[in-house]
Protein backbone atom coordinates (compact mmCIF):
# COMPACT_ATOMS: atom_id res chain seq x y z
CA UNK A 1 0.00 0.00 0.00
CA UNK A 2 1.37 3.37 -0.98
CA UNK A 3 0.88 6.25 1.42
CA UNK A 4 0.30 9.64 -0.15
CA UNK A 5 2.46 12.45 1.13
CA UNK A 6 0.39 15.52 0.34
CA UNK A 7 3.33 17.92 0.42
CA UNK A 8 5.31 15.79 -2.04
CA UNK A 9 2.19 15.53 -4.22
CA UNK A 10 1.78 19.32 -4.11
CA UNK A 11 5.39 19.87 -5.23
CA UNK A 12 4.97 17.30 -7.99
CA UNK A 13 1.84 19.02 -9.32
CA UNK A 14 3.55 22.41 -9.27
CA UNK A 15 6.54 20.90 -11.10
CA UNK A 16 4.26 19.30 -13.68
CA UNK A 17 2.39 22.53 -14.36
CA UNK A 18 5.60 24.55 -14.38
CA UNK A 19 7.25 22.18 -16.85
CA UNK A 20 4.38 21.61 -19.27
CA UNK A 21 2.41 24.86 -19.12
CA UNK A 22 4.85 27.56 -18.06
CA UNK A 23 7.81 25.76 -19.67
CA UNK A 24 10.27 26.81 -16.98
CA UNK A 25 12.58 23.82 -16.67
CA UNK A 26 14.69 25.21 -13.84
CA UNK A 27 11.73 25.90 -11.57
CA UNK A 28 10.20 22.53 -12.44
CA UNK A 29 13.46 20.81 -11.50
CA UNK A 30 13.49 22.58 -8.12
CA UNK A 31 9.95 21.42 -7.34
CA UNK A 32 10.71 17.86 -8.48
CA UNK A 33 13.76 17.86 -6.21
CA UNK A 34 11.63 19.01 -3.29
CA UNK A 35 9.02 16.33 -3.94
CA UNK A 36 11.71 13.64 -4.13
CA UNK A 37 13.44 14.91 -0.96
CA UNK A 38 10.18 14.42 0.91
CA UNK A 39 9.25 11.14 -0.77
CA UNK A 40 12.19 9.59 -2.70
CA UNK A 41 10.01 6.97 -4.41
CA UNK A 42 7.24 9.31 -5.54
CA UNK A 43 6.34 7.49 -8.76
CA UNK A 44 4.82 10.42 -10.65
CA UNK A 45 7.69 12.73 -9.69
CA UNK A 46 10.24 10.15 -10.86
CA UNK A 47 8.40 9.75 -14.17
CA UNK A 48 8.33 13.51 -14.68
CA UNK A 49 12.01 13.76 -13.79
CA UNK A 50 12.82 10.99 -16.28
CA UNK A 51 10.87 12.74 -19.03
CA UNK A 52 12.50 16.07 -18.25
CA UNK A 53 15.97 14.51 -18.42
CA UNK A 54 15.20 12.85 -21.76
CA UNK A 55 13.97 16.16 -23.16
CA UNK A 56 17.15 17.84 -21.92
CA UNK A 57 19.20 15.09 -23.61
CA UNK A 58 20.69 13.96 -20.28
CA UNK A 59 20.40 10.34 -21.30
CA UNK A 60 22.61 8.71 -18.64
CA UNK A 61 20.73 10.44 -15.83
CA UNK A 62 17.38 9.68 -17.44
CA UNK A 63 18.32 6.01 -17.74
CA UNK A 64 19.08 5.90 -14.01
CA UNK A 65 15.65 7.30 -13.18
CA UNK A 66 13.78 4.99 -15.58
CA UNK A 67 15.80 1.99 -14.37
CA UNK A 68 14.96 2.88 -10.75
CA UNK A 69 11.26 2.91 -11.66
CA UNK A 70 11.61 -0.43 -13.42
CA UNK A 71 13.47 -1.94 -10.47
CA UNK A 72 10.69 -0.98 -8.04
CA UNK A 73 8.09 -2.72 -10.18
CA UNK A 74 6.94 -0.04 -12.59
CA UNK A 75 7.23 -2.02 -15.81
CA UNK A 76 4.55 -0.47 -18.00
CA UNK A 77 4.97 0.70 -21.58
CA UNK A 78 6.24 4.17 -20.73
CA UNK A 79 8.98 2.91 -18.43
CA UNK A 80 10.21 0.06 -20.64
CA UNK A 81 10.07 2.10 -23.84
CA UNK A 82 11.98 4.99 -22.24
CA UNK A 83 14.63 2.55 -21.01
CA UNK A 84 14.87 1.14 -24.55
CA UNK A 85 15.19 4.66 -25.94
CA UNK A 86 17.92 5.59 -23.44
CA UNK A 87 19.91 2.44 -24.18
CA UNK A 88 19.57 3.13 -27.90
CA UNK A 89 20.88 6.67 -27.43
CA UNK A 90 23.82 5.33 -25.45
CA UNK A 91 24.63 2.85 -28.23
CA UNK A 92 23.76 -0.27 -26.24
CA UNK A 93 21.53 -1.72 -28.96
CA UNK A 94 21.20 -5.21 -27.51
CA UNK A 95 19.81 -3.88 -24.20
CA UNK A 96 17.59 -1.50 -26.15
CA UNK A 97 16.18 -4.42 -28.16
CA UNK A 98 15.63 -6.36 -24.93
CA UNK A 99 13.54 -3.51 -23.52
CA UNK A 100 11.71 -3.09 -26.83
CA UNK A 101 10.52 -6.67 -26.39
CA UNK A 102 9.39 -5.88 -22.84
CA UNK A 103 7.57 -2.79 -24.15
CA UNK A 104 5.83 -4.84 -26.81
CA UNK A 105 4.34 -7.03 -24.09
CA UNK A 106 2.65 -3.92 -22.64
CA UNK A 107 0.91 -2.77 -25.83
CA UNK A 108 -2.46 -3.94 -27.05
CA UNK A 109 -3.36 -4.03 -30.73
CA UNK A 110 -5.71 -1.05 -30.44
CA UNK A 111 -2.92 1.26 -29.23
CA UNK A 112 -1.69 2.17 -32.67
CA UNK A 113 0.33 5.23 -31.63
CA UNK A 114 2.34 3.24 -29.09
CA UNK A 115 2.84 0.42 -31.58
CA UNK A 116 4.02 2.91 -34.19
CA UNK A 117 6.68 4.42 -31.91
CA UNK A 118 7.81 0.98 -30.81
CA UNK A 119 8.06 -0.29 -34.40
CA UNK A 120 10.10 2.77 -35.39
CA UNK A 121 12.52 2.30 -32.51
CA UNK A 122 12.91 -1.42 -33.10
CA UNK A 123 13.42 -1.04 -36.85
CA UNK A 124 16.08 1.61 -36.20
CA UNK A 125 17.78 -0.67 -33.68
CA UNK A 126 17.77 -3.60 -36.07
CA UNK A 127 19.30 -1.43 -38.76
CA UNK A 128 21.90 -0.12 -36.28
CA UNK A 129 22.84 -3.69 -35.36
CA UNK A 130 23.28 -4.56 -39.04
CA UNK A 131 20.20 -6.79 -39.22
CA UNK A 132 18.42 -5.38 -42.27
CA UNK A 133 16.55 -8.60 -43.05
CA UNK A 134 15.02 -8.61 -39.57
CA UNK A 135 14.24 -4.91 -39.93
CA UNK A 136 12.53 -5.56 -43.24
CA UNK A 137 10.43 -8.43 -41.80
CA UNK A 138 9.39 -6.23 -38.89
CA UNK A 139 8.62 -3.39 -41.30
CA UNK A 140 6.36 -5.64 -43.40
CA UNK A 141 4.61 -6.93 -40.27
CA UNK A 142 4.17 -3.40 -38.92
CA UNK A 143 2.45 -2.28 -42.12
CA UNK A 144 -0.18 -4.98 -41.54
CA UNK A 145 -0.69 -4.15 -37.86
CA UNK A 146 -0.80 -0.34 -37.88
CA UNK A 147 -3.66 1.96 -38.74
CA UNK A 148 -3.55 3.44 -42.23
CA UNK A 149 -2.08 6.78 -41.09
CA UNK A 150 0.73 5.19 -39.09
CA UNK A 151 1.39 2.63 -41.84
CA UNK A 152 1.71 5.48 -44.35
CA UNK A 153 4.16 7.31 -42.05
CA UNK A 154 6.21 4.16 -41.56
CA UNK A 155 6.23 3.38 -45.27
CA UNK A 156 7.44 6.91 -45.99
CA UNK A 157 10.17 6.72 -43.35
CA UNK A 158 11.50 3.33 -44.40
CA UNK A 159 10.87 3.26 -48.13
CA UNK A 160 14.57 2.40 -48.59
CA UNK A 161 13.92 -1.02 -47.01
CA UNK A 162 11.95 -2.06 -50.10
CA UNK A 163 14.89 -0.93 -52.22
CA UNK A 164 17.29 -2.90 -50.01
CA UNK A 165 15.40 -6.18 -50.32
CA UNK A 166 14.96 -5.78 -54.06
CA UNK A 167 18.71 -5.16 -54.37
CA UNK A 168 19.54 -8.20 -52.23
CA UNK A 169 17.20 -10.38 -54.28
CA UNK A 170 18.71 -9.12 -57.55
CA UNK A 171 22.22 -9.68 -56.20
CA UNK A 172 21.37 -13.28 -55.24
CA UNK A 173 19.98 -13.92 -58.72
CA UNK A 174 23.17 -12.55 -60.26
CA UNK A 175 25.30 -14.81 -58.06
CA UNK A 176 23.22 -17.86 -59.08
CA UNK A 177 23.81 -17.07 -62.74
CA UNK A 178 27.55 -17.62 -62.27
């Protein structure tokens, strides 16, 4: 059972409003710090801090926050996908792929926007790890699973994958001819 600390909750809400509506990052960070001083495992404050750090491109610090949330049992889509993103930014593609898989377990088929972002990240990771065939298979599968708008966006972003597979197929045919 989680006990609500009303003062920590107050500071979190002020930080949230300050960050998203007033767009004053420094003040928002001060209020987040106050909330976390009072209640170090304030879940919403930790999530906000993680998002703020990602937006500020402080990836190593953001990863620590998201990993802390994961370690205390917060393993929903937001947490696992942010961990995957942070690992990808740090160049640890294998760990990023591992957390992409964990994120995929948290998404239902009717959550097209989440699926779209996850497919994009995973395709990028597969390309970064020099696995274009796997990326292409995922791309083809994604086109079937996504709504028409997201499928169009994905097709536009990765149109070169069709070119790649056609080139590979042509190259194989040329090799067979010899």
